[in-house]
Amino acid sequence: MKHTINKIYQAYFNDIFHFLLSLSQNYHTAEDLVQETFIRAHLYIETYKGENIKSWLFTIAHHVFIDYYRKHKKMIIKDERYFSFISDKKIGTDEEIIVQEEINEVIRLVGNLPEKHRLAVLLHDIHGFSQYEAANVMNVKQSYFKVLLFRGRQTIRQRRAKHDG
């Protein structure tokens, strides 16, 4: 089992870390929350029912963050480096500046969303979860998740249009 949890850790550390970093806004806090996530995963591995391991880990990470949030009562997305993975390919300096500006704008827009809308957008659009998996992570019905995702995207579109127009 120890070998299995080590493989799980190596496979999903970065995804869990970026998710928790986007929620906690602090590199060191995210590191601590990742460790807590994998400790809980190790402790509760017997409750794993064979579903998608990634969504199971994100559910644990979300619960760890909620516990942290209740203790510290703050949640703002600030770390602009989080979305830097979007610009993986080599592009020209002018294009790179434009892409970086767009990334900064998306960070600001996502950061200003209500908590549930932000989580829906982060889980589905950034981390690539299906609507079903993301709804399970958030512990909401899939139909409600679709509403949250729609409203989050709609708010981002409206604010971008307002900013651009």
Protein backbone atom coordinates (compact mmCIF):
# COMPACT_ATOMS: atom_id res chain seq x y z
CA MET A 1 0.00 0.00 0.00
CA LYS A 2 2.88 2.37 0.79
CA HIS A 3 4.25 1.88 -2.72
CA THR A 4 0.81 2.65 -4.14
CA ILE A 5 0.40 5.91 -2.19
CA ASN A 6 3.88 6.97 -3.33
CA LYS A 7 2.91 6.42 -6.97
CA ILE A 8 -0.33 8.32 -6.43
CA TYR A 9 1.62 11.16 -4.80
CA GLN A 10 4.08 11.39 -7.70
CA ALA A 11 1.32 11.27 -10.31
CA TYR A 12 -1.00 13.89 -8.79
CA PHE A 13 1.16 16.15 -6.63
CA ASN A 14 1.35 18.98 -9.19
CA ASP A 15 -2.38 18.99 -9.95
CA ILE A 16 -3.32 19.01 -6.28
CA PHE A 17 -0.69 21.64 -5.49
CA HIS A 18 -1.88 24.03 -8.25
CA PHE A 19 -5.51 23.56 -7.20
CA LEU A 20 -4.75 24.32 -3.57
CA LEU A 21 -2.45 27.20 -4.53
CA SER A 22 -5.27 28.78 -6.52
CA LEU A 23 -7.54 28.49 -3.50
CA SER A 24 -5.15 29.42 -0.68
CA GLN A 25 -3.18 32.16 -2.45
CA ASN A 26 -0.02 31.21 -0.62
CA TYR A 27 2.75 28.90 -1.78
CA HIS A 28 3.65 27.64 1.69
CA THR A 29 0.04 27.17 2.71
CA ALA A 30 -0.58 25.20 -0.49
CA GLU A 31 2.40 22.96 0.31
CA ASP A 32 1.01 22.31 3.79
CA LEU A 33 -2.45 21.59 2.42
CA VAL A 34 -1.03 19.18 -0.18
CA GLN A 35 0.73 17.28 2.58
CA GLU A 36 -2.48 17.18 4.62
CA THR A 37 -4.37 15.96 1.54
CA PHE A 38 -2.01 13.04 1.00
CA ILE A 39 -1.93 12.21 4.71
CA ARG A 40 -5.72 11.98 4.67
CA ALA A 41 -5.61 9.96 1.44
CA HIS A 42 -3.23 7.53 3.11
CA LEU A 43 -5.38 7.33 6.25
CA TYR A 44 -8.63 6.84 4.31
CA ILE A 45 -7.37 4.72 1.40
CA GLU A 46 -9.79 1.98 2.51
CA THR A 47 -12.72 4.31 1.76
CA TYR A 48 -11.59 4.61 -1.87
CA LYS A 49 -14.29 2.86 -3.89
CA GLY A 50 -12.45 2.50 -7.18
CA GLU A 51 -13.76 5.72 -8.71
CA ASN A 52 -11.45 8.11 -10.53
CA ILE A 53 -8.46 8.53 -8.22
CA LYS A 54 -7.91 12.13 -9.34
CA SER A 55 -11.43 13.21 -8.44
CA TRP A 56 -11.16 11.34 -5.11
CA LEU A 57 -7.94 13.25 -4.31
CA PHE A 58 -9.46 16.57 -5.37
CA THR A 59 -12.42 15.87 -3.09
CA ILE A 60 -10.03 15.31 -0.20
CA ALA A 61 -8.06 18.45 -1.17
CA HIS A 62 -11.26 20.48 -1.31
CA HIS A 63 -12.24 19.28 2.17
CA VAL A 64 -8.75 20.05 3.48
CA PHE A 65 -9.03 23.56 2.07
CA ILE A 66 -12.49 24.04 3.57
CA ASP A 67 -11.08 23.08 6.97
CA TYR A 68 -8.22 25.55 6.45
CA TYR A 69 -10.60 28.25 5.22
CA ARG A 70 -12.85 27.87 8.24
CA LYS A 71 -9.82 28.37 10.44
CA HIS A 72 -8.44 31.36 8.54
CA LYS A 73 -11.52 32.92 6.88
CA LYS A 74 -9.90 34.30 3.73
CA MET A 75 -9.82 33.27 0.08
CA ILE A 76 -8.45 35.37 -2.81
CA ILE A 77 -6.66 34.27 -5.98
CA LYS A 78 -3.45 36.31 -6.27
CA ASP A 79 -0.67 34.14 -7.61
CA GLU A 80 -0.31 35.05 -11.28
CA ARG A 81 2.29 32.34 -11.81
CA TYR A 82 -0.47 29.72 -11.42
CA PHE A 83 -1.67 30.11 -15.01
CA SER A 84 1.79 30.37 -16.54
CA PHE A 85 1.56 26.75 -17.72
CA ILE A 86 -0.93 27.92 -20.37
CA SER A 87 1.88 29.46 -22.41
CA ASP A 88 3.97 26.28 -22.75
CA LYS A 89 5.02 26.70 -26.36
CA LYS A 90 7.76 29.09 -27.44
CA ILE A 91 6.27 32.26 -28.86
CA GLY A 92 7.57 35.67 -29.81
CA THR A 93 8.07 38.41 -27.25
CA ASP A 94 5.10 40.47 -28.43
CA GLU A 95 2.81 37.45 -28.41
CA GLU A 96 4.18 36.38 -25.05
CA ILE A 97 3.33 39.78 -23.55
CA ILE A 98 -0.21 39.58 -24.94
CA VAL A 99 -0.67 36.04 -23.63
CA GLN A 100 0.67 37.08 -20.21
CA GLU A 101 -1.75 40.01 -20.11
CA GLU A 102 -4.63 37.69 -20.97
CA ILE A 103 -3.53 35.25 -18.27
CA ASN A 104 -3.41 38.08 -15.74
CA GLU A 105 -6.89 39.19 -16.79
CA VAL A 106 -8.28 35.65 -16.41
CA ILE A 107 -6.66 35.35 -12.97
CA ARG A 108 -8.25 38.61 -11.90
CA LEU A 109 -11.66 37.62 -13.27
CA VAL A 110 -11.62 34.14 -11.75
CA GLY A 111 -10.36 35.57 -8.46
CA ASN A 112 -13.33 37.94 -8.28
CA LEU A 113 -15.95 35.22 -8.74
CA PRO A 114 -18.04 34.01 -5.80
CA GLU A 115 -16.45 30.97 -4.13
CA LYS A 116 -18.67 28.26 -5.64
CA HIS A 117 -18.46 29.74 -9.14
CA ARG A 118 -14.67 30.00 -8.79
CA LEU A 119 -14.39 26.36 -7.71
CA ALA A 120 -16.58 25.22 -10.60
CA VAL A 121 -14.49 27.11 -13.17
CA LEU A 122 -11.19 25.97 -11.62
CA LEU A 123 -12.18 22.30 -11.43
CA HIS A 124 -13.79 22.04 -14.86
CA ASP A 125 -12.04 24.57 -17.09
CA ILE A 126 -8.58 24.66 -15.54
CA HIS A 127 -8.10 21.16 -14.11
CA GLY A 128 -10.12 19.34 -16.77
CA PHE A 129 -12.60 17.47 -14.59
CA SER A 130 -15.83 16.30 -16.15
CA GLN A 131 -18.96 17.98 -14.83
CA TYR A 132 -19.85 14.79 -12.97
CA GLU A 133 -16.42 14.53 -11.31
CA ALA A 134 -16.29 18.23 -10.41
CA ALA A 135 -19.80 18.06 -8.93
CA ASN A 136 -18.66 15.14 -6.76
CA VAL A 137 -15.59 17.06 -5.60
CA MET A 138 -17.80 20.02 -4.62
CA ASN A 139 -20.41 17.67 -3.13
CA VAL A 140 -23.26 19.17 -5.18
CA LYS A 141 -25.69 17.71 -7.70
CA GLN A 142 -24.51 17.74 -11.30
CA SER A 143 -27.42 19.95 -12.36
CA TYR A 144 -26.45 22.53 -9.73
CA PHE A 145 -22.81 22.30 -10.80
CA LYS A 146 -23.84 23.11 -14.38
CA VAL A 147 -25.60 26.24 -13.10
CA LEU A 148 -22.52 27.28 -11.10
CA LEU A 149 -20.22 26.72 -14.08
CA PHE A 150 -22.55 28.58 -16.44
CA ARG A 151 -22.86 31.54 -14.08
CA GLY A 152 -19.11 31.66 -13.47
CA ARG A 153 -18.35 31.63 -17.19
CA GLN A 154 -21.11 34.13 -17.88
CA THR A 155 -19.74 36.51 -15.25
CA ILE A 156 -16.24 36.22 -16.73
CA ARG A 157 -17.58 36.91 -20.26
CA GLN A 158 -19.60 39.91 -19.07
CA ARG A 159 -16.71 41.41 -17.15
CA ARG A 160 -14.33 40.87 -20.07
CA ALA A 161 -16.77 42.48 -22.46
CA LYS A 162 -17.21 45.40 -20.09
CA HIS A 163 -13.44 45.77 -19.74
CA ASP A 164 -12.80 45.46 -23.50
CA GLY A 165 -15.76 47.58 -24.56
